[in-house]
Structures are given as structure tokens and as C-alpha cells.
Amino acid sequence: MSAPLISPSRRLRRTPFSEGVEAAGVKAYTVYNRMLLPTVFESVEADYHHLKRHVQVWDVACERQVELRGPEAGRLMQMLTPRDLRGMTAGQCFYVPIVDETGGMLNDPVAVKLSEDRWWISIADSDLLLWVKGIAYGWRMDVLVDEPDVSPLAVQGPKADDLMARVFGESIRDLRFFRFSVYDFDGHDVVIARSGYSKQGGFEIYVEGTDLGMPIWNALFAAGEDLQVRAGCPNGIERIEAGLLSYGNDMTDDNTPHECGLGRFCNTQTAIGCIGRDALLRVAKEGPVQQIRPIAIDGDPVPRCDRAWPLFAGGERVGQVTSAAWSPDFETNVAIGMVRMTHWDAGTRLRVDMNGTDRAAEVQAGFWL
């Protein structure tokens, strides 16, 4: 029986790169911020091996931007996150937990500081734009909040530097991690950051306007033929190996940054003005009662983890697995789970209920990549 198809509509937006994605033979999509996000080209495992060895171009236009522009843009940005942004300079990118008044995670985006009065928030899959608009309006702040016509295109893999240098110039090799600069493409200024949703290294190109989408896509493929460039997408196996969390899968607004292992990105004492600061101060003092942990699951390759799998110890539920996949390189089932403090130490043996199938599992000391 074939899988159900996604019916296209104007509510499910295509991207500036959809033409290239389709020509490259995309086999599956998911819906992310009401846009199409490719999930498979050749196969998940074949895409995984290629990503680790060569270079891929990813249509991640679904990582929509929330733009803050105006005299109080910096103040509004600090209200959204417990990470202290006072030392952040224009040209930097910061990974920032975004929290509500209870300290619950609303998103885990990358903040891009274009200037003192202009920021982009490159968001994960949630309606963060509406929250930010509400805060700005409720506080009567002198700032414009909008979604600009900006579509990220990622170039990821060990050959990413070589490919990008051919298209944007050798100076791009000097760009530091989580920094961005402006590069020329056919007479257009393009913001490019050294960042991306993999541990293989690479860049994200912030393409402003739809007209530049396919010209940049085509230029990358023309320049990278001998580098074995392919269309790709965030890979479920590689991101679990690396411990890259997925908002909506591994964490929701029921979880605090500390539960998600993101406490190092929280400067709650000094992040004056953060909406969830008081709640997080209490959490920081008491400590989390559960936390994200890497987990290896015994046995044959696991099925698709399309729902949370309960974790048990001695018949007592002690957490849940939120993402899992078979890792060809590490020859084990790698997983991300939320585990109670009583059972989160490395080496703790657990049982996982995979949709009715019982399997042994073990908490790991660290993620695999």
C-alpha cells in the first residue's frame, strides 16, 4: 500500500528552490512552517552516507525569518530569550532558546544580528511570529515585526568550503563558525553564515527575494559537479548521532531549556528583561527533574519513531524516546530521549516500548558525533 500524498494548495507554500528540488528527484516531504521541506532523495541511508563524504545543497526555505527592525529591536530580542545578548555584535549568529512566561520552550532558533536595530530570527517549526508580534504590541514597542521574503539555502558536507569558494570567492573560507558576512552574487548582496543543521560543516545562504533562488541553486550545481554535489536535506540519522534537537519532536513548550540540555545557552541571572526569567531562575536553582539524554537501543534497526516511545525501569515509566534511527556508521540504534534524573546516568539500562514491541536500551555518556 502506497503512502498518502500531500495535496498541494496555496496554504502549503512552495519555495524559491522547489523547481530544483523536484528536478533532483525528491521522494518525500514533510510540512514545516506551512512550507514543503524535503526529507528523502535517494534513501535516508544513502543520503546520510553522501552527506558525510561529499557536499549537499538543502532547500531549507521553511526556516522562516522573524525580522525585528527599529530602535527597540535589541530590547525586544532580549525579552524573548534567557541568553544574555549584550555582548553580541553585528555579524554574529547566536543559538537562542525562546521561552514563554513559564520558561517553556517556544522555539530554538538562530538569531542573526544584522545591525543594532535589525535582527533576523531563523525559526524552527512553530508560530513564533505571532508571539513576537504580541509582545511588541502589548509593550507598545518602537519596533516592526514581520516575516521578510528571505529563504535559507544550506550547503552542508565536508566539501562545502570548496564548493562555496567557487561560487562566492576564496574569502568565504575565512568565515568563522556562527558568523556571517555579505558576499556578491551576480551583482546582488547575499548574507551567508557558517552554520547549518548538521555536524558535517557548511553554510546557510539567506536568499532575499524569490528571483535569486534558482540562479544560486544552479550556480552551486554547475560549480560542484566534480565534487559530487547533490540535492539533500536534514538527515534524521546524522542529526540524532549529533544530538541536534528537533523542536516539536524532542522538546515542546512543556519543557524548559534546562530539561533540553540547553542550560549553557541561558544566562538567566544577567538576561534582564527576559519574559521567562523569574520562572527559569527557580528552575536553575532547583535543577531539572528530567533531561534530554542520548540512548542506544539494542537489536535490529528500529522502525520509524513517529510517536513518543515510553521508557521503563523495573516496570516504572521513567521517560520517553522522542527520536530514533539505525546508525550504519556506529552499528547501533541511536536515539534521543527525555529521562528522569533517577535514571539518566550513563550506563543505566532501560526498556523501551516501541509501539508494543519491548526492547532493551542504555543511556549513553554522550552523543555519537
Protein backbone atom coordinates (compact mmCIF):
# COMPACT_ATOMS: atom_id res chain seq x y z
CA MET A 1 0.00 0.00 0.00
CA SER A 2 1.49 3.33 -1.05
CA ALA A 3 1.88 6.18 1.42
CA PRO A 4 -0.68 9.01 1.37
CA LEU A 5 0.27 12.03 -0.71
CA ILE A 6 0.36 15.66 0.34
CA SER A 7 -2.22 17.69 -1.54
CA PRO A 8 -0.73 20.99 -2.72
CA SER A 9 -2.53 24.25 -2.04
CA ARG A 10 -1.72 27.92 -1.62
CA ARG A 11 -1.67 27.34 2.15
CA LEU A 12 1.20 24.87 1.68
CA ARG A 13 3.82 27.10 0.17
CA ARG A 14 6.43 26.11 -2.40
CA THR A 15 9.87 27.65 -2.11
CA PRO A 16 12.20 29.56 -4.44
CA PHE A 17 14.11 26.27 -4.88
CA SER A 18 11.19 23.86 -5.44
CA GLU A 19 11.91 23.63 -9.16
CA GLY A 20 15.43 22.39 -8.45
CA VAL A 21 14.29 20.04 -5.70
CA GLU A 22 11.77 18.39 -8.00
CA ALA A 23 14.28 18.07 -10.84
CA ALA A 24 16.68 16.39 -8.39
CA GLY A 25 14.14 13.62 -7.75
CA VAL A 26 12.82 14.37 -4.27
CA LYS A 27 10.95 11.34 -2.92
CA ALA A 28 9.29 12.70 0.22
CA TYR A 29 8.41 15.92 2.00
CA THR A 30 7.27 16.98 5.42
CA VAL A 31 5.38 20.18 6.25
CA TYR A 32 7.36 22.75 8.24
CA ASN A 33 6.14 26.28 8.94
CA ARG A 34 3.46 25.65 6.31
CA MET A 35 6.11 25.05 3.66
CA LEU A 36 7.49 21.98 1.91
CA LEU A 37 10.67 20.54 3.44
CA PRO A 38 12.30 17.67 1.51
CA THR A 39 13.11 14.61 3.65
CA VAL A 40 14.40 11.97 1.20
CA PHE A 41 16.13 11.93 -2.17
CA GLU A 42 17.81 8.57 -2.89
CA SER A 43 17.08 7.00 0.52
CA VAL A 44 17.62 8.15 4.10
CA GLU A 45 20.68 5.90 4.45
CA ALA A 46 22.17 6.73 1.04
CA ASP A 47 21.61 10.45 1.67
CA TYR A 48 23.33 10.00 5.05
CA HIS A 49 26.47 8.44 3.56
CA HIS A 50 26.67 11.09 0.83
CA LEU A 51 26.30 13.95 3.34
CA LYS A 52 29.22 12.62 5.39
CA ARG A 53 31.51 12.22 2.36
CA HIS A 54 30.70 14.94 -0.15
CA VAL A 55 28.50 18.06 -0.27
CA GLN A 56 24.78 18.69 -0.49
CA VAL A 57 22.54 21.66 -1.23
CA TRP A 58 19.47 21.82 1.02
CA ASP A 59 16.23 23.71 0.43
CA VAL A 60 15.54 24.91 3.97
CA ALA A 61 13.41 27.89 2.99
CA CYS A 62 10.97 26.61 5.63
CA GLU A 63 13.31 28.11 8.24
CA ARG A 64 11.35 31.34 8.08
CA GLN A 65 12.74 34.57 9.42
CA VAL A 66 11.08 36.80 12.00
CA GLU A 67 12.53 40.25 11.42
CA LEU A 68 12.80 42.84 14.19
CA ARG A 69 13.54 46.32 12.90
CA GLY A 70 13.56 49.59 14.78
CA PRO A 71 15.06 51.40 17.80
CA GLU A 72 13.82 48.78 20.30
CA ALA A 73 14.71 45.70 18.24
CA GLY A 74 17.53 44.72 20.62
CA ARG A 75 15.36 45.17 23.70
CA LEU A 76 12.62 43.00 22.18
CA MET A 77 15.14 40.32 21.22
CA GLN A 78 16.37 40.14 24.83
CA MET A 79 12.81 39.86 26.13
CA LEU A 80 12.41 36.66 24.12
CA THR A 81 15.44 34.70 25.36
CA PRO A 82 17.29 33.92 28.60
CA ARG A 83 20.60 34.12 26.73
CA ASP A 84 22.39 37.38 27.52
CA LEU A 85 22.79 39.21 24.19
CA ARG A 86 24.63 42.28 25.45
CA GLY A 87 27.97 41.11 24.08
CA MET A 88 26.60 40.10 20.69
CA THR A 89 27.88 42.21 17.81
CA ALA A 90 26.60 42.74 14.27
CA GLY A 91 27.91 39.87 12.15
CA GLN A 92 27.31 37.19 14.79
CA CYS A 93 24.74 34.40 14.96
CA PHE A 94 23.59 33.06 18.35
CA TYR A 95 21.65 29.89 19.09
CA VAL A 96 18.91 31.18 21.39
CA PRO A 97 16.24 29.34 23.38
CA ILE A 98 12.98 31.31 23.12
CA VAL A 99 10.75 30.87 26.18
CA ASP A 100 7.30 31.90 27.41
CA GLU A 101 6.38 33.30 30.81
CA THR A 102 6.64 29.83 32.43
CA GLY A 103 10.12 29.21 31.00
CA GLY A 104 8.70 26.73 28.46
CA MET A 105 10.42 26.41 25.09
CA LEU A 106 8.60 28.14 22.24
CA ASN A 107 11.38 27.72 19.67
CA ASP A 108 15.13 27.17 19.41
CA PRO A 109 16.17 29.43 16.53
CA VAL A 110 19.36 31.10 15.42
CA ALA A 111 19.37 34.87 15.97
CA VAL A 112 21.19 36.83 13.27
CA LYS A 113 22.22 40.35 14.30
CA LEU A 114 22.37 42.40 11.10
CA SER A 115 22.78 45.72 12.93
CA GLU A 116 21.87 47.28 16.27
CA ASP A 117 18.33 47.95 15.06
CA ARG A 118 17.78 44.96 12.74
CA TRP A 119 17.65 41.25 13.60
CA TRP A 120 16.53 38.05 11.92
CA ILE A 121 15.30 35.10 13.98
CA SER A 122 15.69 31.95 11.87
CA ILE A 123 12.99 29.80 13.38
CA ALA A 124 12.18 26.14 13.87
CA ASP A 125 8.66 24.84 13.23
CA SER A 126 6.28 27.00 15.30
CA ASP A 127 4.20 30.17 15.02
CA LEU A 128 6.81 32.32 16.73
CA LEU A 129 5.95 35.34 14.57
CA LEU A 130 2.58 35.66 16.34
CA TRP A 131 4.18 35.51 19.83
CA VAL A 132 6.76 38.15 18.93
CA LYS A 133 4.12 40.44 17.39
CA GLY A 134 2.01 40.09 20.52
CA ILE A 135 4.91 41.01 22.81
CA ALA A 136 5.84 44.03 20.68
CA TYR A 137 2.25 45.27 20.50
CA GLY A 138 1.46 44.60 24.16
CA TRP A 139 4.51 46.58 25.31
CA ARG A 140 3.91 49.33 22.72
CA MET A 141 7.47 48.95 21.50
CA ASP A 142 9.02 51.03 18.73
CA VAL A 143 9.83 48.05 16.52
CA LEU A 144 8.44 46.49 13.34
CA VAL A 145 7.93 42.71 13.47
CA ASP A 146 7.39 40.94 10.17
CA GLU A 147 8.30 37.92 8.04
CA PRO A 148 10.67 39.11 5.30
CA ASP A 149 10.99 37.44 1.90
CA VAL A 150 14.13 35.55 2.94
CA SER A 151 14.67 31.85 2.18
CA PRO A 152 17.70 29.98 3.54
CA LEU A 153 19.61 27.58 1.30
CA ALA A 154 22.08 25.33 3.12
CA VAL A 155 25.32 23.88 1.75
CA GLN A 156 26.47 21.06 4.03
CA GLY A 157 29.18 18.41 4.00
CA PRO A 158 32.99 18.10 4.16
CA LYS A 159 33.39 19.64 0.67
CA ALA A 160 31.18 22.65 1.44
CA ASP A 161 34.10 25.09 1.68
CA ASP A 162 35.40 24.09 -1.75
CA LEU A 163 32.00 24.50 -3.39
CA MET A 164 31.19 27.82 -1.75
CA ALA A 165 34.62 29.26 -2.61
CA ARG A 166 34.00 28.54 -6.29
CA VAL A 167 30.71 30.46 -6.28
CA PHE A 168 31.31 33.24 -3.72
CA GLY A 169 35.10 33.62 -3.65
CA GLU A 170 38.02 32.26 -1.65
CA SER A 171 37.46 34.69 1.23
CA ILE A 172 34.47 32.66 2.35
CA ARG A 173 36.87 30.04 3.72
CA ASP A 174 37.85 32.56 6.43
CA LEU A 175 34.29 32.94 7.73
CA ARG A 176 34.19 31.75 11.33
CA PHE A 177 31.57 29.45 12.85
CA PHE A 178 28.31 31.23 13.69
CA ARG A 179 29.49 34.38 11.95
CA PHE A 180 28.07 35.85 8.78
CA SER A 181 29.15 38.28 6.12
CA VAL A 182 27.82 39.75 2.89
CA TYR A 183 29.01 38.29 -0.42
CA ASP A 184 28.37 39.21 -4.03
CA PHE A 185 26.37 37.01 -6.36
CA ASP A 186 25.83 38.40 -9.85
CA GLY A 187 25.72 41.96 -8.53
CA HIS A 188 23.47 41.15 -5.55
CA ASP A 189 24.48 41.30 -1.89
CA VAL A 190 23.83 37.97 -0.16
CA VAL A 191 24.10 37.25 3.59
CA ILE A 192 25.92 33.95 4.23
CA ALA A 193 26.58 32.36 7.64
CA ARG A 194 28.82 29.47 8.59
CA SER A 195 26.10 27.38 10.22
CA GLY A 196 23.64 24.60 9.47
CA TYR A 197 21.63 21.70 10.86
CA SER A 198 24.38 19.07 10.62
CA LYS A 199 27.75 18.34 12.19
CA GLN A 200 29.43 17.94 8.80
CA GLY A 201 30.23 21.64 8.40
CA GLY A 202 28.82 24.13 5.95
CA PHE A 203 26.95 27.35 5.31
CA GLU A 204 23.49 28.86 5.15
CA ILE A 205 22.75 31.34 2.37
CA TYR A 206 19.97 33.81 3.23
CA VAL A 207 18.41 34.38 -0.18
CA GLU A 208 16.40 37.61 -0.24
CA GLY A 209 13.60 37.55 -2.78
CA THR A 210 12.45 34.64 -4.93
CA ASP A 211 14.19 35.69 -8.15
CA LEU A 212 17.67 34.76 -6.88
CA GLY A 213 16.62 31.29 -5.72
CA MET A 214 17.17 29.17 -8.81
CA PRO A 215 20.16 31.17 -10.15
CA ILE A 216 22.06 30.45 -6.90
CA TRP A 217 20.86 26.83 -6.86
CA ASN A 218 22.01 26.30 -10.46
CA ALA A 219 25.35 28.04 -9.87
CA LEU A 220 26.14 25.71 -6.97
CA PHE A 221 25.38 22.61 -9.01
CA ALA A 222 27.31 23.84 -12.03
CA ALA A 223 30.36 24.57 -9.87
CA GLY A 224 30.26 21.33 -7.90
CA GLU A 225 29.88 18.56 -10.44
CA ASP A 226 33.36 17.16 -9.76
CA LEU A 227 32.70 17.43 -6.00
CA GLN A 228 29.71 15.07 -6.38
CA VAL A 229 27.28 17.73 -5.23
CA ARG A 230 23.70 16.53 -4.77
CA ALA A 231 20.42 17.89 -3.52
CA GLY A 232 19.91 16.87 0.08
CA CYS A 233 18.02 17.67 3.25
CA PRO A 234 18.42 17.47 7.02
CA ASN A 235 19.15 13.80 7.70
CA GLY A 236 17.39 12.03 10.55
CA ILE A 237 20.24 9.61 11.24
CA GLU A 238 23.03 12.19 11.25
CA ARG A 239 21.18 14.73 13.38
CA ILE A 240 20.40 12.11 16.08
CA GLU A 241 24.05 10.97 16.10
CA ALA A 242 25.00 14.63 16.61
CA GLY A 243 22.36 15.35 19.26
CA LEU A 244 20.74 18.09 17.18
CA LEU A 245 17.30 18.57 18.70
CA SER A 246 14.09 18.92 16.72
CA TYR A 247 11.52 21.33 18.14
CA GLY A 248 8.13 19.63 18.26
CA ASN A 249 9.75 16.19 18.38
CA ASP A 250 12.37 16.24 21.12
CA MET A 251 11.00 19.26 23.00
CA THR A 252 7.86 21.35 23.26
CA ASP A 253 6.59 24.27 25.33
CA ASP A 254 6.19 21.81 28.21
CA ASN A 255 9.99 21.67 28.51
CA THR A 256 12.43 24.25 29.84
CA PRO A 257 15.83 24.88 28.22
CA HIS A 258 17.47 23.13 31.19
CA GLU A 259 15.47 19.97 30.53
CA CYS A 260 16.60 20.13 26.90
CA GLY A 261 20.27 20.32 27.83
CA LEU A 262 20.38 23.96 26.73
CA GLY A 263 21.26 25.45 30.11
CA ARG A 264 24.63 26.60 28.71
CA PHE A 265 22.71 28.99 26.46
CA CYS A 266 20.89 30.55 29.42
CA ASN A 267 22.41 33.46 31.32
CA THR A 268 19.31 33.84 33.42
CA GLN A 269 20.93 35.96 36.14
CA THR A 270 22.08 38.62 33.68
CA ALA A 271 19.48 38.35 30.89
CA ILE A 272 17.50 41.24 32.34
CA GLY A 273 14.13 41.68 30.69
CA CYS A 274 13.62 38.09 29.54
CA ILE A 275 9.92 37.27 29.90
CA GLY A 276 10.55 33.82 31.40
CA ARG A 277 13.43 34.92 33.65
CA ASP A 278 11.71 34.51 37.03
CA ALA A 279 10.49 31.02 36.20
CA LEU A 280 13.91 29.97 34.91
CA LEU A 281 15.69 31.33 37.97
CA ARG A 282 13.67 28.86 40.04
CA VAL A 283 14.47 26.03 37.62
CA ALA A 284 18.18 26.89 37.63
CA LYS A 285 18.22 26.86 41.45
CA GLU A 286 16.31 23.60 41.88
CA GLY A 287 17.64 21.82 38.80
CA PRO A 288 15.61 19.86 36.22
CA VAL A 289 13.88 16.62 37.21
CA GLN A 290 14.23 15.23 33.68
CA GLN A 291 16.64 15.92 30.83
CA ILE A 292 17.50 15.01 27.24
CA ARG A 293 19.88 12.05 27.01
CA PRO A 294 21.48 10.01 24.19
CA ILE A 295 20.19 6.44 24.24
CA ALA A 296 21.31 3.32 22.38
CA ILE A 297 18.59 0.78 21.65
CA ASP A 298 19.59 -2.88 21.32
CA GLY A 299 18.74 -5.19 18.47
CA ASP A 300 17.69 -4.87 14.85
CA PRO A 301 17.04 -1.50 13.17
CA VAL A 302 14.15 0.28 14.85
CA PRO A 303 11.01 1.33 12.97
CA ARG A 304 10.11 4.94 12.28
CA CYS A 305 9.68 6.83 15.56
CA ASP A 306 6.52 8.74 14.67
CA ARG A 307 5.31 8.95 18.28
CA ALA A 308 6.96 9.01 21.70
CA TRP A 309 8.09 5.59 22.92
CA PRO A 310 7.80 5.13 26.71
CA LEU A 311 10.93 4.23 28.68
CA PHE A 312 10.66 1.92 31.68
CA ALA A 313 12.83 0.73 34.55
CA GLY A 314 11.51 -2.07 36.74
CA GLY A 315 8.01 -1.53 35.41
CA GLU A 316 8.04 2.20 36.25
CA ARG A 317 7.86 4.75 33.45
CA VAL A 318 10.96 6.96 33.62
CA GLY A 319 10.89 8.87 30.35
CA GLN A 320 10.37 8.58 26.63
CA VAL A 321 12.29 8.22 23.38
CA THR A 322 11.47 11.08 21.02
CA SER A 323 13.71 10.35 18.00
CA ALA A 324 15.45 7.15 16.90
CA ALA A 325 17.18 5.62 13.88
CA TRP A 326 19.61 2.88 12.91
CA SER A 327 23.15 4.27 12.51
CA PRO A 328 25.14 2.46 9.81
CA ASP A 329 28.43 4.03 10.95
CA PHE A 330 28.04 3.19 14.65
CA GLU A 331 26.13 -0.05 14.03
CA THR A 332 23.53 0.59 16.69
CA ASN A 333 20.14 2.22 17.08
CA VAL A 334 20.80 5.82 18.11
CA ALA A 335 18.11 7.75 19.94
CA ILE A 336 17.26 10.94 21.80
CA GLY A 337 15.12 10.65 24.91
CA MET A 338 13.81 12.65 27.85
CA VAL A 339 14.78 10.75 31.02
CA ARG A 340 14.08 11.30 34.73
CA MET A 341 17.04 12.27 36.89
CA THR A 342 16.79 8.99 38.79
CA HIS A 343 17.71 7.07 35.64
CA TRP A 344 19.68 9.46 33.42
CA ASP A 345 23.22 8.39 34.40
CA ALA A 346 25.35 6.86 31.63
CA GLY A 347 25.17 3.08 31.63
CA THR A 348 21.66 2.89 33.08
CA ARG A 349 19.76 0.02 31.47
CA LEU A 350 16.16 0.68 30.47
CA ARG A 351 13.37 -0.88 28.45
CA VAL A 352 11.66 0.92 25.59
CA ASP A 353 8.14 0.17 24.33
CA MET A 354 8.22 0.67 20.55
CA ASN A 355 4.55 0.62 19.63
CA GLY A 356 4.03 -2.61 21.56
CA THR A 357 7.47 -4.16 20.95
CA ASP A 358 9.71 -4.31 24.03
CA ARG A 359 13.45 -3.63 23.55
CA ALA A 360 16.44 -3.10 25.85
CA ALA A 361 18.16 0.29 25.82
CA GLU A 362 21.04 2.06 27.57
CA VAL A 363 21.71 5.70 28.46
CA GLN A 364 24.95 6.90 26.83
CA ALA A 365 27.68 9.20 28.14
CA GLY A 366 27.44 11.48 25.11
CA PHE A 367 26.14 11.77 21.59
CA TRP A 368 27.96 9.94 18.86
CA LEU A 369 29.23 12.89 16.78
